[in-house]
PDB file of N, CA and C in Angstrom:
ATOM      1  N   MET A   1      -4.714   1.765   5.174  1.00  0.00           N
ATOM      2  CA  MET A   1      -3.818   1.063   4.304  1.00  0.00           C
ATOM      3  C   MET A   1      -4.566  -0.120   3.698  1.00  0.00           C
ATOM      4  N   VAL A   2      -4.269  -0.353   2.430  1.00  0.00           N
ATOM      5  CA  VAL A   2      -4.834  -1.524   1.769  1.00  0.00           C
ATOM      6  C   VAL A   2      -3.681  -2.433   1.353  1.00  0.00           C
ATOM      7  N   LEU A   3      -3.833  -3.714   1.640  1.00  0.00           N
ATOM      8  CA  LEU A   3      -2.861  -4.714   1.198  1.00  0.00           C
ATOM      9  C   LEU A   3      -3.302  -5.220  -0.161  1.00  0.00           C
ATOM     10  N   PHE A   4      -2.365  -5.295  -1.073  1.00  0.00           N
ATOM     11  CA  PHE A   4      -2.642  -5.697  -2.446  1.00  0.00           C
ATOM     12  C   PHE A   4      -1.586  -6.720  -2.841  1.00  0.00           C
ATOM     13  N   SER A   5      -1.934  -7.998  -2.761  1.00  0.00           N
ATOM     14  CA  SER A   5      -1.007  -9.066  -3.107  1.00  0.00           C
ATOM     15  C   SER A   5      -0.939  -9.217  -4.619  1.00  0.00           C
ATOM     16  N   VAL A   6       0.257  -9.426  -5.132  1.00  0.00           N
ATOM     17  CA  VAL A   6       0.411  -9.607  -6.578  1.00  0.00           C
ATOM     18  C   VAL A   6      -0.378 -10.817  -7.062  1.00  0.00           C
ATOM     19  N   THR A   7      -0.672 -11.752  -6.177  1.00  0.00           N
ATOM     20  CA  THR A   7      -1.417 -12.947  -6.571  1.00  0.00           C
ATOM     21  C   THR A   7      -2.904 -12.661  -6.784  1.00  0.00           C
ATOM     22  N   GLU A   8      -3.367 -11.464  -6.405  1.00  0.00           N
ATOM     23  CA  GLU A   8      -4.782 -11.107  -6.560  1.00  0.00           C
ATOM     24  C   GLU A   8      -5.100 -10.518  -7.931  1.00  0.00           C
ATOM     25  N   GLY A   9      -4.076 -10.161  -8.688  1.00  0.00           N
ATOM     26  CA  GLY A   9      -4.298  -9.621 -10.024  1.00  0.00           C
ATOM     27  C   GLY A   9      -4.326  -8.113 -10.063  1.00  0.00           C
ATOM     28  N   GLU A  10      -3.966  -7.593 -11.215  1.00  0.00           N
ATOM     29  CA  GLU A  10      -3.829  -6.152 -11.420  1.00  0.00           C
ATOM     30  C   GLU A  10      -5.151  -5.402 -11.324  1.00  0.00           C
ATOM     31  N   ASP A  11      -6.267  -6.114 -11.488  1.00  0.00           N
ATOM     32  CA  ASP A  11      -7.567  -5.454 -11.518  1.00  0.00           C
ATOM     33  C   ASP A  11      -8.212  -5.295 -10.136  1.00  0.00           C
ATOM     34  N   LYS A  12      -7.535  -5.668  -9.061  1.00  0.00           N
ATOM     35  CA  LYS A  12      -8.117  -5.533  -7.716  1.00  0.00           C
ATOM     36  C   LYS A  12      -8.606  -4.115  -7.440  1.00  0.00           C
ATOM     37  N   PRO A  13      -7.850  -3.066  -7.784  1.00  0.00           N
ATOM     38  CA  PRO A  13      -8.350  -1.714  -7.516  1.00  0.00           C
ATOM     39  C   PRO A  13      -9.667  -1.411  -8.248  1.00  0.00           C
ATOM     40  N   LEU A  14      -9.833  -1.985  -9.428  1.00  0.00           N
ATOM     41  CA  LEU A  14     -11.054  -1.746 -10.195  1.00  0.00           C
ATOM     42  C   LEU A  14     -12.232  -2.533  -9.625  1.00  0.00           C
ATOM     43  N   LYS A  15     -11.956  -3.692  -9.034  1.00  0.00           N
ATOM     44  CA  LYS A  15     -13.007  -4.510  -8.434  1.00  0.00           C
ATOM     45  C   LYS A  15     -13.447  -3.981  -7.073  1.00  0.00           C
ATOM     46  N   TYR A  16     -12.504  -3.395  -6.336  1.00  0.00           N
ATOM     47  CA  TYR A  16     -12.766  -2.949  -4.965  1.00  0.00           C
ATOM     48  C   TYR A  16     -12.339  -1.493  -4.778  1.00  0.00           C
ATOM     49  N   PRO A  17     -12.908  -0.571  -5.536  1.00  0.00           N
ATOM     50  CA  PRO A  17     -12.453   0.825  -5.462  1.00  0.00           C
ATOM     51  C   PRO A  17     -12.650   1.473  -4.097  1.00  0.00           C
ATOM     52  N   THR A  18     -13.670   1.053  -3.370  1.00  0.00           N
ATOM     53  CA  THR A  18     -13.950   1.684  -2.081  1.00  0.00           C
ATOM     54  C   THR A  18     -12.788   1.522  -1.111  1.00  0.00           C
ATOM     55  N   ILE A  19     -12.200   0.357  -1.066  1.00  0.00           N
ATOM     56  CA  ILE A  19     -11.100   0.147  -0.127  1.00  0.00           C
ATOM     57  C   ILE A  19      -9.890   1.003  -0.499  1.00  0.00           C
ATOM     58  N   PHE A  20      -9.662   1.198  -1.789  1.00  0.00           N
ATOM     59  CA  PHE A  20      -8.548   2.044  -2.214  1.00  0.00           C
ATOM     60  C   PHE A  20      -8.862   3.518  -1.961  1.00  0.00           C
ATOM     61  N   ASN A  21     -10.119   3.895  -2.095  1.00  0.00           N
ATOM     62  CA  ASN A  21     -10.518   5.281  -1.859  1.00  0.00           C
ATOM     63  C   ASN A  21     -10.496   5.673  -0.391  1.00  0.00           C
ATOM     64  N   THR A  22     -10.547   4.711   0.497  1.00  0.00           N
ATOM     65  CA  THR A  22     -10.525   5.009   1.924  1.00  0.00           C
ATOM     66  C   THR A  22      -9.149   4.789   2.550  1.00  0.00           C
ATOM     67  N   ALA A  23      -8.199   4.316   1.770  1.00  0.00           N
ATOM     68  CA  ALA A  23      -6.854   4.027   2.284  1.00  0.00           C
ATOM     69  C   ALA A  23      -5.943   5.244   2.161  1.00  0.00           C
ATOM     70  N   ASP A  24      -4.914   5.270   2.985  1.00  0.00           N
ATOM     71  CA  ASP A  24      -3.887   6.309   2.920  1.00  0.00           C
ATOM     72  C   ASP A  24      -2.622   5.803   2.234  1.00  0.00           C
ATOM     73  N   LEU A  25      -2.578   4.487   1.981  1.00  0.00           N
ATOM     74  CA  LEU A  25      -1.385   3.855   1.406  1.00  0.00           C
ATOM     75  C   LEU A  25      -1.775   2.512   0.825  1.00  0.00           C
ATOM     76  N   THR A  26      -1.159   2.163  -0.301  1.00  0.00           N
ATOM     77  CA  THR A  26      -1.299   0.816  -0.841  1.00  0.00           C
ATOM     78  C   THR A  26       0.013   0.088  -0.612  1.00  0.00           C
ATOM     79  N   LEU A  27      -0.070  -1.063   0.019  1.00  0.00           N
ATOM     80  CA  LEU A  27       1.091  -1.901   0.243  1.00  0.00           C
ATOM     81  C   LEU A  27       0.969  -3.089  -0.702  1.00  0.00           C
ATOM     82  N   VAL A  28       1.772  -3.090  -1.771  1.00  0.00           N
ATOM     83  CA  VAL A  28       1.783  -4.207  -2.712  1.00  0.00           C
ATOM     84  C   VAL A  28       2.675  -5.286  -2.097  1.00  0.00           C
ATOM     85  N   THR A  29       2.073  -6.430  -1.803  1.00  0.00           N
ATOM     86  CA  THR A  29       2.789  -7.497  -1.110  1.00  0.00           C
ATOM     87  C   THR A  29       3.186  -8.621  -2.061  1.00  0.00           C
ATOM     88  N   LYS A  30       4.133  -9.411  -1.596  1.00  0.00           N
ATOM     89  CA  LYS A  30       4.618 -10.585  -2.341  1.00  0.00           C
ATOM     90  C   LYS A  30       5.205 -10.192  -3.691  1.00  0.00           C
ATOM     91  N   ILE A  31       5.847  -9.026  -3.739  1.00  0.00           N
ATOM     92  CA  ILE A  31       6.395  -8.538  -5.009  1.00  0.00           C
ATOM     93  C   ILE A  31       7.441  -9.503  -5.574  1.00  0.00           C
ATOM     94  N   ASP A  32       8.020 -10.319  -4.719  1.00  0.00           N
ATOM     95  CA  ASP A  32       8.993 -11.321  -5.188  1.00  0.00           C
ATOM     96  C   ASP A  32       8.338 -12.388  -6.070  1.00  0.00           C
ATOM     97  N   LEU A  33       7.028 -12.515  -6.006  1.00  0.00           N
ATOM     98  CA  LEU A  33       6.305 -13.490  -6.839  1.00  0.00           C
ATOM     99  C   LEU A  33       5.774 -12.887  -8.135  1.00  0.00           C
ATOM    100  N   ALA A  34       6.002 -11.619  -8.350  1.00  0.00           N
ATOM    101  CA  ALA A  34       5.403 -10.918  -9.490  1.00  0.00           C
ATOM    102  C   ALA A  34       5.684 -11.601 -10.826  1.00  0.00           C
ATOM    103  N   GLU A  35       6.920 -11.952 -11.049  1.00  0.00           N
ATOM    104  CA  GLU A  35       7.259 -12.585 -12.331  1.00  0.00           C
ATOM    105  C   GLU A  35       6.602 -13.957 -12.466  1.00  0.00           C
ATOM    106  N   ALA A  36       6.596 -14.723 -11.401  1.00  0.00           N
ATOM    107  CA  ALA A  36       6.033 -16.075 -11.443  1.00  0.00           C
ATOM    108  C   ALA A  36       4.539 -16.075 -11.739  1.00  0.00           C
ATOM    109  N   VAL A  37       3.830 -15.051 -11.275  1.00  0.00           N
ATOM    110  CA  VAL A  37       2.383 -14.984 -11.505  1.00  0.00           C
ATOM    111  C   VAL A  37       2.029 -14.034 -12.642  1.00  0.00           C
ATOM    112  N   GLU A  38       3.057 -13.588 -13.368  1.00  0.00           N
ATOM    113  CA  GLU A  38       2.893 -12.689 -14.512  1.00  0.00           C
ATOM    114  C   GLU A  38       2.129 -11.417 -14.132  1.00  0.00           C
ATOM    115  N   PHE A  39       2.496 -10.869 -12.981  1.00  0.00           N
ATOM    116  CA  PHE A  39       1.898  -9.643 -12.480  1.00  0.00           C
ATOM    117  C   PHE A  39       2.457  -8.460 -13.254  1.00  0.00           C
ATOM    118  N   ASP A  40       1.576  -7.654 -13.816  1.00  0.00           N
ATOM    119  CA  ASP A  40       1.968  -6.467 -14.574  1.00  0.00           C
ATOM    120  C   ASP A  40       1.933  -5.264 -13.623  1.00  0.00           C
ATOM    121  N   ARG A  41       3.087  -4.936 -13.061  1.00  0.00           N
ATOM    122  CA  ARG A  41       3.195  -3.875 -12.065  1.00  0.00           C
ATOM    123  C   ARG A  41       2.712  -2.539 -12.618  1.00  0.00           C
ATOM    124  N   ASP A  42       3.103  -2.214 -13.844  1.00  0.00           N
ATOM    125  CA  ASP A  42       2.694  -0.937 -14.434  1.00  0.00           C
ATOM    126  C   ASP A  42       1.176  -0.837 -14.560  1.00  0.00           C
ATOM    127  N   LEU A  43       0.540  -1.910 -14.993  1.00  0.00           N
ATOM    128  CA  LEU A  43      -0.920  -1.923 -15.111  1.00  0.00           C
ATOM    129  C   LEU A  43      -1.566  -1.797 -13.734  1.00  0.00           C
ATOM    130  N   ALA A  44      -1.043  -2.488 -12.758  1.00  0.00           N
ATOM    131  CA  ALA A  44      -1.590  -2.407 -11.406  1.00  0.00           C
ATOM    132  C   ALA A  44      -1.499  -0.975 -10.879  1.00  0.00           C
ATOM    133  N   TYR A  45      -0.350  -0.344 -11.074  1.00  0.00           N
ATOM    134  CA  TYR A  45      -0.176   1.040 -10.632  1.00  0.00           C
ATOM    135  C   TYR A  45      -1.138   1.976 -11.360  1.00  0.00           C
ATOM    136  N   ARG A  46      -1.323   1.763 -12.662  1.00  0.00           N
ATOM    137  CA  ARG A  46      -2.279   2.588 -13.415  1.00  0.00           C
ATOM    138  C   ARG A  46      -3.685   2.426 -12.851  1.00  0.00           C
ATOM    139  N   ASN A  47      -4.045   1.189 -12.533  1.00  0.00           N
ATOM    140  CA  ASN A  47      -5.381   0.937 -11.978  1.00  0.00           C
ATOM    141  C   ASN A  47      -5.556   1.594 -10.611  1.00  0.00           C
ATOM    142  N   ILE A  48      -4.530   1.547  -9.786  1.00  0.00           N
ATOM    143  CA  ILE A  48      -4.595   2.211  -8.481  1.00  0.00           C
ATOM    144  C   ILE A  48      -4.778   3.708  -8.691  1.00  0.00           C
ATOM    145  N   ARG A  49      -3.980   4.283  -9.577  1.00  0.00           N
ATOM    146  CA  ARG A  49      -4.038   5.729  -9.817  1.00  0.00           C
ATOM    147  C   ARG A  49      -5.343   6.152 -10.479  1.00  0.00           C
ATOM    148  N   GLN A  50      -5.934   5.247 -11.259  1.00  0.00           N
ATOM    149  CA  GLN A  50      -7.231   5.549 -11.863  1.00  0.00           C
ATOM    150  C   GLN A  50      -8.295   5.666 -10.775  1.00  0.00           C
ATOM    151  N   VAL A  51      -8.241   4.776  -9.815  1.00  0.00           N
ATOM    152  CA  VAL A  51      -9.220   4.764  -8.730  1.00  0.00           C
ATOM    153  C   VAL A  51      -8.930   5.852  -7.706  1.00  0.00           C
ATOM    154  N   ARG A  52      -7.652   6.047  -7.386  1.00  0.00           N
ATOM    155  CA  ARG A  52      -7.275   7.012  -6.340  1.00  0.00           C
ATOM    156  C   ARG A  52      -5.972   7.708  -6.722  1.00  0.00           C
ATOM    157  N   PRO A  53      -6.055   8.755  -7.526  1.00  0.00           N
ATOM    158  CA  PRO A  53      -4.846   9.493  -7.912  1.00  0.00           C
ATOM    159  C   PRO A  53      -4.080   9.985  -6.688  1.00  0.00           C
ATOM    160  N   GLY A  54      -2.775   9.825  -6.729  1.00  0.00           N
ATOM    161  CA  GLY A  54      -1.919  10.320  -5.655  1.00  0.00           C
ATOM    162  C   GLY A  54      -1.756   9.390  -4.464  1.00  0.00           C
ATOM    163  N   LEU A  55      -2.456   8.271  -4.449  1.00  0.00           N
ATOM    164  CA  LEU A  55      -2.328   7.334  -3.337  1.00  0.00           C
ATOM    165  C   LEU A  55      -0.915   6.751  -3.331  1.00  0.00           C
ATOM    166  N   PRO A  56      -0.182   6.901  -2.228  1.00  0.00           N
ATOM    167  CA  PRO A  56       1.163   6.331  -2.172  1.00  0.00           C
ATOM    168  C   PRO A  56       1.123   4.808  -2.305  1.00  0.00           C
ATOM    169  N   ILE A  57       2.127   4.263  -2.993  1.00  0.00           N
ATOM    170  CA  ILE A  57       2.220   2.823  -3.238  1.00  0.00           C
ATOM    171  C   ILE A  57       3.612   2.366  -2.811  1.00  0.00           C
ATOM    172  N   LEU A  58       3.649   1.271  -2.085  1.00  0.00           N
ATOM    173  CA  LEU A  58       4.918   0.727  -1.632  1.00  0.00           C
ATOM    174  C   LEU A  58       4.972  -0.760  -1.952  1.00  0.00           C
ATOM    175  N   ASP A  59       5.975  -1.179  -2.723  1.00  0.00           N
ATOM    176  CA  ASP A  59       6.177  -2.596  -3.032  1.00  0.00           C
ATOM    177  C   ASP A  59       6.924  -3.249  -1.886  1.00  0.00           C
ATOM    178  N   THR A  60       6.446  -4.445  -1.469  1.00  0.00           N
ATOM    179  CA  THR A  60       7.096  -5.147  -0.369  1.00  0.00           C
ATOM    180  C   THR A  60       7.234  -6.636  -0.654  1.00  0.00           C
ATOM    181  N   SER A  61       8.232  -7.205  -0.017  1.00  0.00           N
ATOM    182  CA  SER A  61       8.423  -8.647  -0.020  1.00  0.00           C
ATOM    183  C   SER A  61       8.954  -9.032   1.350  1.00  0.00           C
ATOM    184  N   ALA A  62       8.131  -9.697   2.140  1.00  0.00           N
ATOM    185  CA  ALA A  62       8.586 -10.147   3.456  1.00  0.00           C
ATOM    186  C   ALA A  62       9.687 -11.188   3.302  1.00  0.00           C
ATOM    187  N   ARG A  63       9.597 -11.976   2.261  1.00  0.00           N
ATOM    188  CA  ARG A  63      10.595 -13.033   2.020  1.00  0.00           C
ATOM    189  C   ARG A  63      11.984 -12.447   1.791  1.00  0.00           C
ATOM    190  N   ARG A  64      12.048 -11.391   1.011  1.00  0.00           N
ATOM    191  CA  ARG A  64      13.345 -10.779   0.676  1.00  0.00           C
ATOM    192  C   ARG A  64      13.652  -9.533   1.500  1.00  0.00           C
ATOM    193  N   GLY A  65      12.676  -9.071   2.239  1.00  0.00           N
ATOM    194  CA  GLY A  65      12.868  -7.867   3.041  1.00  0.00           C
ATOM    195  C   GLY A  65      12.704  -6.577   2.253  1.00  0.00           C
ATOM    196  N   GLN A  66      12.338  -6.679   1.005  1.00  0.00           N
ATOM    197  CA  GLN A  66      12.189  -5.500   0.145  1.00  0.00           C
ATOM    198  C   GLN A  66      11.053  -4.614   0.634  1.00  0.00           C
ATOM    199  N   GLY A  67      11.345  -3.336   0.786  1.00  0.00           N
ATOM    200  CA  GLY A  67      10.337  -2.357   1.151  1.00  0.00           C
ATOM    201  C   GLY A  67       9.949  -2.351   2.619  1.00  0.00           C
ATOM    202  N   LEU A  68      10.454  -3.280   3.400  1.00  0.00           N
ATOM    203  CA  LEU A  68      10.042  -3.360   4.800  1.00  0.00           C
ATOM    204  C   LEU A  68      10.570  -2.199   5.628  1.00  0.00           C
ATOM    205  N   GLU A  69      11.781  -1.749   5.344  1.00  0.00           N
ATOM    206  CA  GLU A  69      12.317  -0.606   6.079  1.00  0.00           C
ATOM    207  C   GLU A  69      11.460   0.635   5.833  1.00  0.00           C
ATOM    208  N   ALA A  70      11.102   0.870   4.583  1.00  0.00           N
ATOM    209  CA  ALA A  70      10.245   2.014   4.261  1.00  0.00           C
ATOM    210  C   ALA A  70       8.878   1.864   4.913  1.00  0.00           C
ATOM    211  N   TRP A  71       8.352   0.654   4.936  1.00  0.00           N
ATOM    212  CA  TRP A  71       7.056   0.396   5.558  1.00  0.00           C
ATOM    213  C   TRP A  71       7.120   0.686   7.059  1.00  0.00           C
ATOM    214  N   LEU A  72       8.174   0.214   7.722  1.00  0.00           N
ATOM    215  CA  LEU A  72       8.328   0.464   9.158  1.00  0.00           C
ATOM    216  C   LEU A  72       8.515   1.951   9.448  1.00  0.00           C
ATOM    217  N   GLU A  73       9.249   2.655   8.601  1.00  0.00           N
ATOM    218  CA  GLU A  73       9.410   4.101   8.762  1.00  0.00           C
ATOM    219  C   GLU A  73       8.059   4.810   8.641  1.00  0.00           C
ATOM    220  N   THR A  74       7.253   4.383   7.697  1.00  0.00           N
ATOM    221  CA  THR A  74       5.923   4.963   7.507  1.00  0.00           C
ATOM    222  C   THR A  74       5.060   4.736   8.749  1.00  0.00           C
ATOM    223  N   LEU A  75       5.098   3.515   9.276  1.00  0.00           N
ATOM    224  CA  LEU A  75       4.334   3.220  10.486  1.00  0.00           C
ATOM    225  C   LEU A  75       4.791   4.088  11.655  1.00  0.00           C
ATOM    226  N   GLU A  76       6.099   4.245  11.808  1.00  0.00           N
ATOM    227  CA  GLU A  76       6.634   5.049  12.901  1.00  0.00           C
ATOM    228  C   GLU A  76       6.223   6.510  12.764  1.00  0.00           C
ATOM    229  N   GLU A  77       6.284   7.047  11.543  1.00  0.00           N
ATOM    230  CA  GLU A  77       5.860   8.429  11.308  1.00  0.00           C
ATOM    231  C   GLU A  77       4.393   8.615  11.677  1.00  0.00           C
ATOM    232  N   ARG A  78       3.569   7.670  11.301  1.00  0.00           N
ATOM    233  CA  ARG A  78       2.136   7.760  11.586  1.00  0.00           C
ATOM    234  C   ARG A  78       1.851   7.594  13.074  1.00  0.00           C
ATOM    235  N   ARG A  79       2.615   6.730  13.738  1.00  0.00           N
ATOM    236  CA  ARG A  79       2.452   6.559  15.177  1.00  0.00           C
ATOM    237  C   ARG A  79       2.786   7.856  15.907  1.00  0.00           C
ATOM    238  N   LYS A  80       3.893   8.497  15.506  1.00  0.00           N
ATOM    239  CA  LYS A  80       4.290   9.756  16.124  1.00  0.00           C
ATOM    240  C   LYS A  80       3.242  10.839  15.891  1.00  0.00           C
ATOM    241  N   ALA A  81       2.738  10.923  14.662  1.00  0.00           N
ATOM    242  CA  ALA A  81       1.728  11.933  14.335  1.00  0.00           C
ATOM    243  C   ALA A  81       0.455  11.699  15.153  1.00  0.00           C
ATOM    244  N   ALA A  82       0.045  10.452  15.302  1.00  0.00           N
ATOM    245  CA  ALA A  82      -1.156  10.144  16.088  1.00  0.00           C
ATOM    246  C   ALA A  82      -0.931  10.478  17.552  1.00  0.00           C
ATOM    247  N   SER A  83       0.255  10.184  18.044  1.00  0.00           N
ATOM    248  CA  SER A  83       0.586  10.482  19.438  1.00  0.00           C
ATOM    249  C   SER A  83       0.563  11.985  19.697  1.00  0.00           C
ATOM    250  N   GLU A  84       1.080  12.756  18.750  1.00  0.00           N
ATOM    251  CA  GLU A  84       1.068  14.214  18.876  1.00  0.00           C
ATOM    252  C   GLU A  84      -0.352  14.758  18.872  1.00  0.00           C
ATOM    253  N   ARG A  85      -1.218  14.189  18.029  1.00  0.00           N
ATOM    254  CA  ARG A  85      -2.613  14.634  17.988  1.00  0.00           C
ATOM    255  C   ARG A  85      -3.311  14.359  19.316  1.00  0.00           C
ATOM    256  N   VAL A  86      -3.032  13.208  19.902  1.00  0.00           N
ATOM    257  CA  VAL A  86      -3.645  12.849  21.176  1.00  0.00           C
ATOM    258  C   VAL A  86      -3.174  13.803  22.279  1.00  0.00           C
ATOM    259  N   SER A  87      -1.893  14.151  22.274  1.00  0.00           N
ATOM    260  CA  SER A  87      -1.381  15.025  23.319  1.00  0.00           C
ATOM    261  C   SER A  87      -1.875  16.463  23.170  1.00  0.00           C
ATOM    262  N   GLU A  88      -2.369  16.838  21.996  1.00  0.00           N
ATOM    263  CA  GLU A  88      -2.874  18.187  21.766  1.00  0.00           C
ATOM    264  C   GLU A  88      -4.327  18.351  22.186  1.00  0.00           C
ATOM    265  N   VAL A  89      -5.021  17.257  22.435  1.00  0.00           N
ATOM    266  CA  VAL A  89      -6.431  17.304  22.806  1.00  0.00           C
ATOM    267  C   VAL A  89      -6.534  17.836  24.236  1.00  0.00           C
ATOM    268  N   PRO A  90      -7.328  18.903  24.430  1.00  0.00           N
ATOM    269  CA  PRO A  90      -7.469  19.457  25.781  1.00  0.00           C
ATOM    270  C   PRO A  90      -8.120  18.459  26.733  1.00  0.00           C
ATOM    271  N   ALA A  91      -7.672  18.488  27.958  1.00  0.00           N
ATOM    272  CA  ALA A  91      -8.204  17.567  28.988  1.00  0.00           C
ATOM    273  C   ALA A  91      -9.522  18.048  29.526  1.00  0.00           C
TER     274      ALA A  91
END
Protein backbone atom coordinates (compact mmCIF):
# COMPACT_ATOMS: atom_id res chain seq x y z
CA MET A 1 0.00 0.00 0.00
CA VAL A 2 1.14 3.51 -0.74
CA LEU A 3 -0.06 6.51 1.23
CA PHE A 4 -0.68 9.56 -0.93
CA SER A 5 -1.54 12.73 0.98
CA VAL A 6 -3.38 15.42 -0.95
CA THR A 7 -0.82 17.87 0.45
CA GLU A 8 1.94 16.15 -1.58
CA GLY A 9 0.49 17.17 -4.94
CA GLU A 10 -1.05 15.37 -7.87
CA ASP A 11 2.33 14.58 -9.43
CA LYS A 12 3.55 12.24 -6.64
CA PRO A 13 2.88 9.11 -8.75
CA LEU A 14 4.98 10.57 -11.57
CA LYS A 15 7.83 11.48 -9.20
CA TYR A 16 7.85 8.13 -7.38
CA PRO A 17 6.54 5.52 -9.84
CA THR A 18 8.36 2.63 -8.19
CA ILE A 19 6.37 2.85 -4.98
CA PHE A 20 3.10 2.88 -6.92
CA ASN A 21 4.25 -0.03 -9.09
CA THR A 22 5.00 -2.16 -6.04
CA ALA A 23 1.81 -1.32 -4.13
CA ASP A 24 -1.46 -3.24 -4.10
CA LEU A 25 -3.52 -0.18 -3.11
CA THR A 26 -3.26 3.59 -3.06
CA LEU A 27 -4.68 5.24 0.03
CA VAL A 28 -5.31 8.93 -0.70
CA THR A 29 -5.18 10.58 2.71
CA LYS A 30 -6.39 13.91 4.08
CA ILE A 31 -9.06 14.11 1.38
CA ASP A 32 -10.89 16.61 3.60
CA LEU A 33 -8.10 19.10 2.80
CA ALA A 34 -8.34 18.66 -0.97
CA GLU A 35 -10.21 21.88 -1.64
CA ALA A 36 -8.04 23.95 0.69
CA VAL A 37 -4.83 22.83 -1.04
CA GLU A 38 -6.42 22.95 -4.52
CA PHE A 39 -5.85 19.23 -5.01
CA ASP A 40 -7.06 18.05 -8.41
CA ARG A 41 -8.42 14.58 -7.63
CA ASP A 42 -9.08 13.71 -11.28
CA LEU A 43 -5.51 14.60 -12.28
CA ALA A 44 -4.09 12.62 -9.36
CA TYR A 45 -6.14 9.57 -10.34
CA ARG A 46 -5.01 9.91 -13.97
CA ASN A 47 -1.40 10.05 -12.83
CA ILE A 48 -1.83 6.96 -10.66
CA ARG A 49 -3.46 5.09 -13.54
CA GLN A 50 -0.74 6.23 -15.93
CA VAL A 51 1.91 4.74 -13.66
CA ARG A 52 -0.06 1.66 -12.56
CA PRO A 53 -3.26 0.90 -14.49
CA GLY A 54 -5.85 -0.90 -12.39
CA LEU A 55 -4.32 -0.04 -9.02
CA PRO A 56 -7.19 0.31 -6.53
CA ILE A 57 -7.54 3.80 -5.02
CA LEU A 58 -9.31 4.66 -1.80
CA ASP A 59 -9.95 8.23 -0.59
CA THR A 60 -9.73 8.65 3.18
CA SER A 61 -10.08 11.28 5.84
CA ALA A 62 -9.24 10.31 9.41
CA ARG A 63 -10.71 13.62 10.56
CA ARG A 64 -14.12 12.92 9.03
CA GLY A 65 -13.95 9.14 9.03
CA GLN A 66 -14.40 9.03 5.25
CA GLY A 67 -13.22 5.80 3.68
CA LEU A 68 -12.04 4.30 6.96
CA GLU A 69 -14.65 1.54 7.01
CA ALA A 70 -13.64 0.45 3.51
CA TRP A 71 -9.98 0.65 4.50
CA LEU A 72 -10.56 -1.53 7.59
CA GLU A 73 -12.55 -4.03 5.51
CA THR A 74 -9.66 -4.22 3.04
CA LEU A 75 -7.19 -4.84 5.85
CA GLU A 76 -9.39 -7.57 7.32
CA GLU A 77 -9.76 -9.28 3.93
CA ARG A 78 -6.00 -9.24 3.44
CA ARG A 79 -5.37 -10.50 6.97
CA LYS A 80 -7.73 -13.43 6.39
CA ALA A 81 -6.14 -14.24 3.02
CA ALA A 82 -2.64 -14.17 4.56
CA SER A 83 -3.78 -16.36 7.43
CA GLU A 84 -5.25 -18.89 4.99
CA ARG A 85 -2.00 -18.97 3.00
CA VAL A 86 -0.01 -19.64 6.16
CA SER A 87 -2.32 -22.47 7.21
CA GLU A 88 -1.94 -24.11 3.77
CA VAL A 89 1.85 -24.36 4.03
CA PRO A 90 2.85 -27.97 4.77
CA ALA A 91 4.58 -28.54 8.09
